[in-house]
Amino acid sequence: MRYFVHIGYHGTNYSGWQKHAGTITIQQVLETTLSQVLKTPIEINGCGRTDAHVHASQFFFHMDVEKAWKFDLLFRLNKVLPDDIAVFDIIPMEGQPHARFDAVQRSYDYYIHTYKDPFLSKFSSLYEDKNFDINAMRQAVALLPLYNDYRAFCTTPDKNEHTICNVSKADLYTSADGKRIRFHISSNRFLGKMIRIIVGRLLDIGTGKLSIAEFEHYLTHPAIPQAITPAYPQGLYLSKVTYPYLNLEPGAAFTPIMETHMDAQWQQV
């Protein structure tokens, strides 16, 4: 029987999702735990491959289990797993749906704070600039859904079959006091480090190092720039994964510290 498992995780202590020899990853921890609890070797397939130190408030993986368990697997897993990985739902699926290849849309959020705060350091990225040009950044963000070749926003584009991404939504938000910034993007697919590279370019626009015209040039003439500087990983969250047959709300909101620290809700700019 195939099962989709709905989880969330804080990625600070992990070298990304995908298991690699000599590192601790989310996939490795989950496979080890599932194999121990179910007393049989379990391999899982995730809905994506988040980078080292990147988080997910919603993530799915699928697994095949021949013999049904006779205990509360959800409770048992959450009891055994570390505090930074949580299981929200275990969903039996008909047929052979695939957690990665069947996803039709993924959404990410990237959080920035502009002042040093020890309670945000592992949940958001610190960029200490008090005078970001938010209006220019907003104009650049509005360009993203208008184009679909993101070759210039990928560190290794030639490893992909193609670099076409259909961005359906891109928005920029600030906190009420203007000291925190949130970038949201949704697409049918993403390239390696694509979102962090986009955010890096937006920060360049916000500080005057890059013009909106130059940013648009990367979208209309997708050649790889000589220098690519992705934004820090800790501000990035995979926040929503949608399937034709499964559309769940995330099992957890972003960390409460990030939500209650602000005077009001995010304001779109």
Protein backbone atom coordinates (compact mmCIF):
# COMPACT_ATOMS: atom_id res chain seq x y z
CA MET A 1 0.00 0.00 0.00
CA ARG A 2 1.28 3.45 -0.84
CA TYR A 3 1.04 6.24 1.72
CA PHE A 4 1.61 9.98 1.47
CA VAL A 5 3.09 11.40 4.66
CA HIS A 6 2.55 15.09 5.41
CA ILE A 7 5.36 16.61 7.49
CA GLY A 8 7.10 19.85 8.45
CA TYR A 9 10.64 20.49 9.58
CA HIS A 10 13.12 23.09 10.76
CA GLY A 11 16.19 22.52 8.63
CA THR A 12 18.94 24.24 10.63
CA ASN A 13 20.52 21.00 11.86
CA TYR A 14 20.36 19.15 8.54
CA SER A 15 22.24 19.06 5.24
CA GLY A 16 19.01 19.34 3.27
CA TRP A 17 16.37 16.77 2.45
CA GLN A 18 18.20 14.25 0.28
CA LYS A 19 20.36 11.67 2.01
CA HIS A 20 24.11 11.81 1.40
CA ALA A 21 26.91 9.76 2.86
CA GLY A 22 28.61 11.37 5.83
CA THR A 23 25.88 13.96 6.52
CA ILE A 24 22.65 14.11 8.49
CA THR A 25 19.60 14.80 6.32
CA ILE A 26 15.84 14.86 6.80
CA GLN A 27 15.35 11.84 4.52
CA GLN A 28 17.96 9.83 6.38
CA VAL A 29 16.41 10.53 9.79
CA LEU A 30 12.91 9.65 8.56
CA GLU A 31 13.95 6.43 6.82
CA THR A 32 15.89 5.28 9.88
CA THR A 33 12.99 6.08 12.21
CA LEU A 34 10.34 4.48 9.99
CA SER A 35 12.44 1.33 9.57
CA GLN A 36 12.84 1.03 13.33
CA VAL A 37 9.19 1.67 14.15
CA LEU A 38 7.77 -0.58 11.40
CA LYS A 39 10.52 -3.18 11.87
CA THR A 40 11.18 -3.43 8.13
CA PRO A 41 13.42 -1.44 5.74
CA ILE A 42 11.57 1.64 4.47
CA GLU A 43 12.61 3.89 1.60
CA ILE A 44 10.84 7.18 0.96
CA ASN A 45 10.51 9.63 -1.95
CA GLY A 46 10.15 13.32 -1.14
CA CYS A 47 8.24 16.04 -2.97
CA GLY A 48 11.44 18.04 -3.48
CA ARG A 49 15.05 18.55 -2.43
CA THR A 50 15.41 21.45 -0.04
CA ASP A 51 18.96 22.73 0.49
CA ALA A 52 20.96 22.56 3.70
CA HIS A 53 19.41 24.67 6.51
CA VAL A 54 16.22 25.33 4.50
CA HIS A 55 12.90 24.71 6.27
CA ALA A 56 9.50 23.33 5.28
CA SER A 57 6.18 24.14 6.90
CA GLN A 58 4.65 21.65 4.44
CA PHE A 59 6.38 18.71 2.81
CA PHE A 60 5.19 15.35 1.51
CA PHE A 61 6.90 12.05 0.92
CA HIS A 62 5.52 8.70 -0.16
CA MET A 63 6.36 5.23 1.07
CA ASP A 64 5.24 1.71 0.27
CA VAL A 65 4.36 -0.58 3.20
CA GLU A 66 3.29 -4.15 2.51
CA LYS A 67 1.91 -5.03 5.93
CA ALA A 68 -0.47 -2.68 7.71
CA TRP A 69 0.53 -1.58 11.20
CA LYS A 70 -1.77 -2.12 14.21
CA PHE A 71 -0.81 0.87 16.32
CA ASP A 72 -0.95 4.66 16.17
CA LEU A 73 1.93 5.24 13.76
CA LEU A 74 1.45 9.02 13.74
CA PHE A 75 1.80 9.18 17.53
CA ARG A 76 4.73 6.75 17.58
CA LEU A 77 6.70 8.64 14.93
CA ASN A 78 6.25 12.00 16.60
CA LYS A 79 7.33 10.45 19.87
CA VAL A 80 10.57 9.11 18.37
CA LEU A 81 11.49 11.81 15.84
CA PRO A 82 13.57 14.81 16.94
CA ASP A 83 11.73 18.00 17.89
CA ASP A 84 12.58 19.70 14.60
CA ILE A 85 10.68 17.16 12.45
CA ALA A 86 6.90 16.69 12.83
CA VAL A 87 4.45 14.33 11.12
CA PHE A 88 0.98 15.82 10.53
CA ASP A 89 -0.88 13.22 8.45
CA ILE A 90 -0.42 9.70 7.06
CA ILE A 91 -2.71 9.26 4.06
CA PRO A 92 -3.38 5.94 2.26
CA MET A 93 -3.38 6.45 -1.51
CA GLU A 94 -4.91 4.42 -4.31
CA GLY A 95 -2.62 3.37 -7.14
CA GLN A 96 0.96 4.60 -7.43
CA PRO A 97 0.90 8.41 -7.04
CA HIS A 98 4.32 10.04 -6.78
CA ALA A 99 5.10 12.69 -4.16
CA ARG A 100 7.59 14.51 -6.37
CA PHE A 101 6.47 14.07 -9.96
CA ASP A 102 2.73 14.52 -9.35
CA ALA A 103 3.04 17.90 -7.61
CA VAL A 104 1.53 20.63 -9.80
CA GLN A 105 2.56 23.63 -7.70
CA ARG A 106 4.99 24.47 -4.92
CA SER A 107 5.10 27.69 -2.93
CA TYR A 108 8.00 29.13 -0.98
CA ASP A 109 8.35 32.02 1.44
CA TYR A 110 11.58 33.84 2.21
CA TYR A 111 11.92 35.91 5.39
CA ILE A 112 14.34 38.79 6.00
CA HIS A 113 14.93 40.87 9.12
CA THR A 114 16.96 44.07 9.01
CA TYR A 115 18.10 44.22 12.64
CA LYS A 116 19.96 41.76 14.83
CA ASP A 117 17.54 39.61 16.81
CA PRO A 118 18.66 36.42 18.61
CA PHE A 119 15.16 34.98 18.40
CA LEU A 120 15.04 35.22 14.62
CA SER A 121 18.59 34.19 13.72
CA LYS A 122 17.73 30.60 12.73
CA PHE A 123 14.30 31.35 11.29
CA SER A 124 14.95 34.38 9.09
CA SER A 125 17.92 35.89 7.23
CA LEU A 126 19.62 38.98 8.63
CA TYR A 127 20.42 41.75 6.14
CA GLU A 128 21.22 44.90 8.09
CA ASP A 129 20.17 47.64 5.71
CA LYS A 130 17.69 50.16 7.04
CA ASN A 131 16.92 51.76 3.70
CA PHE A 132 15.89 49.03 1.28
CA ASP A 133 14.05 50.51 -1.72
CA ILE A 134 10.92 48.40 -1.22
CA ASN A 135 9.10 50.00 -4.15
CA ALA A 136 11.88 49.02 -6.58
CA MET A 137 11.94 45.50 -5.14
CA ARG A 138 8.16 45.29 -5.58
CA GLN A 139 8.44 46.33 -9.23
CA ALA A 140 11.01 43.61 -9.85
CA VAL A 141 8.87 40.97 -8.13
CA ALA A 142 5.93 41.91 -10.37
CA LEU A 143 8.03 40.96 -13.41
CA LEU A 144 8.54 37.34 -12.35
CA PRO A 145 5.19 35.87 -13.53
CA LEU A 146 5.62 37.58 -16.91
CA TYR A 147 8.56 35.39 -17.96
CA ASN A 148 9.25 31.68 -17.76
CA ASP A 149 12.92 30.98 -18.56
CA TYR A 150 14.89 31.11 -15.31
CA ARG A 151 18.24 29.92 -16.61
CA ALA A 152 19.94 33.05 -15.25
CA PHE A 153 18.64 32.21 -11.77
CA CYS A 154 20.18 28.74 -11.45
CA THR A 155 23.71 27.76 -10.42
CA THR A 156 23.80 24.63 -12.63
CA PRO A 157 21.19 25.07 -15.39
CA ASP A 158 22.75 22.49 -17.72
CA LYS A 159 21.94 19.73 -15.23
CA ASN A 160 18.25 20.30 -15.97
CA GLU A 161 16.33 19.04 -18.97
CA HIS A 162 15.13 22.64 -19.38
CA THR A 163 14.94 25.85 -17.35
CA ILE A 164 11.30 26.78 -17.97
CA CYS A 165 9.34 27.54 -14.78
CA ASN A 166 5.77 28.80 -14.87
CA VAL A 167 5.62 31.24 -11.97
CA SER A 168 1.96 31.75 -11.14
CA LYS A 169 2.36 34.15 -8.24
CA ALA A 170 5.04 36.39 -6.75
CA ASP A 171 4.44 38.91 -3.97
CA LEU A 172 6.41 41.07 -1.56
CA TYR A 173 5.29 41.94 1.97
CA THR A 174 6.66 44.00 4.85
CA SER A 175 5.84 44.08 8.54
CA ALA A 176 3.94 47.06 9.90
CA ASP A 177 7.13 48.72 11.10
CA GLY A 178 8.94 48.00 7.82
CA LYS A 179 11.78 46.15 9.53
CA ARG A 180 10.94 42.73 8.15
CA ILE A 181 10.40 41.58 4.56
CA ARG A 182 8.69 38.47 3.21
CA PHE A 183 8.94 37.26 -0.39
CA HIS A 184 6.41 34.69 -1.64
CA ILE A 185 6.58 32.75 -4.90
CA SER A 186 4.56 29.90 -6.43
CA SER A 187 5.49 27.87 -9.52
CA ASN A 188 5.01 24.49 -11.13
CA ARG A 189 8.74 23.82 -10.61
CA PHE A 190 11.92 25.42 -9.32
CA LEU A 191 15.57 25.14 -10.30
CA GLY A 192 18.51 24.63 -7.96
CA LYS A 193 18.88 27.61 -5.60
CA MET A 194 16.51 29.57 -7.86
CA ILE A 195 14.59 31.29 -5.07
CA ARG A 196 17.69 32.22 -3.10
CA ILE A 197 19.26 33.67 -6.25
CA ILE A 198 16.11 35.69 -6.99
CA VAL A 199 16.11 37.03 -3.43
CA GLY A 200 19.80 37.91 -3.76
CA ARG A 201 18.98 39.95 -6.88
CA LEU A 202 16.04 41.62 -5.12
CA LEU A 203 18.34 42.65 -2.29
CA ASP A 204 20.75 44.10 -4.87
CA ILE A 205 17.85 46.12 -6.28
CA GLY A 206 16.84 47.23 -2.79
CA THR A 207 20.35 48.57 -2.12
CA GLY A 208 20.81 50.14 -5.55
CA LYS A 209 23.42 47.69 -6.79
CA LEU A 210 21.15 46.43 -9.58
CA SER A 211 18.53 48.24 -11.64
CA ILE A 212 15.08 46.91 -12.48
CA ALA A 213 16.06 46.98 -16.17
CA GLU A 214 19.11 44.82 -15.45
CA PHE A 215 16.95 42.41 -13.47
CA GLU A 216 14.48 42.14 -16.34
CA HIS A 217 17.37 41.57 -18.74
CA TYR A 218 18.18 38.35 -16.84
CA LEU A 219 14.60 37.23 -17.51
CA THR A 220 14.52 38.17 -21.19
CA HIS A 221 18.08 37.08 -22.02
CA PRO A 222 18.63 34.02 -19.83
CA ALA A 223 22.40 33.75 -19.91
CA ILE A 224 24.24 32.74 -16.75
CA PRO A 225 25.71 35.82 -15.00
CA GLN A 226 29.40 35.75 -14.15
CA ALA A 227 28.71 36.20 -10.44
CA ILE A 228 25.78 34.58 -8.62
CA THR A 229 25.29 35.16 -4.90
CA PRO A 230 22.30 33.28 -3.45
CA ALA A 231 20.66 34.70 -0.35
CA TYR A 232 21.25 32.90 2.94
CA PRO A 233 19.43 29.54 3.29
CA GLN A 234 17.87 29.98 6.75
CA GLY A 235 15.24 32.46 5.54
CA LEU A 236 13.70 30.02 3.03
CA TYR A 237 10.63 27.86 3.70
CA LEU A 238 8.81 25.42 1.44
CA SER A 239 5.32 26.45 2.50
CA LYS A 240 2.80 24.67 0.24
CA VAL A 241 2.73 21.65 -2.08
CA THR A 242 -0.34 21.00 -4.23
CA TYR A 243 -1.42 17.86 -6.10
CA PRO A 244 -4.37 17.33 -8.47
CA TYR A 245 -5.79 14.88 -5.94
CA LEU A 246 -4.51 16.38 -2.67
CA ASN A 247 -4.59 19.98 -1.46
CA LEU A 248 -4.04 20.21 2.29
CA GLU A 249 -3.37 23.24 4.40
CA PRO A 250 0.06 23.18 6.06
CA GLY A 251 0.02 21.30 9.35
CA ALA A 252 1.78 24.16 11.12
CA ALA A 253 2.16 27.88 10.64
CA PHE A 254 5.60 29.43 10.53
CA THR A 255 7.26 29.65 13.90
CA PRO A 256 5.12 31.67 16.36
CA ILE A 257 8.14 33.85 17.13
CA MET A 258 7.99 35.20 13.60
CA GLU A 259 4.23 35.77 13.70
CA THR A 260 3.87 37.44 17.12
CA HIS A 261 7.05 39.48 16.96
CA MET A 262 5.45 41.95 14.59
CA ASP A 263 2.99 44.65 15.53
CA ALA A 264 0.53 43.59 12.82
CA GLN A 265 0.04 41.18 9.96
CA TRP A 266 2.14 41.29 6.80
CA GLN A 267 1.22 44.13 4.46
CA GLN A 268 1.51 43.60 0.71
CA VAL A 269 3.51 46.29 -1.07
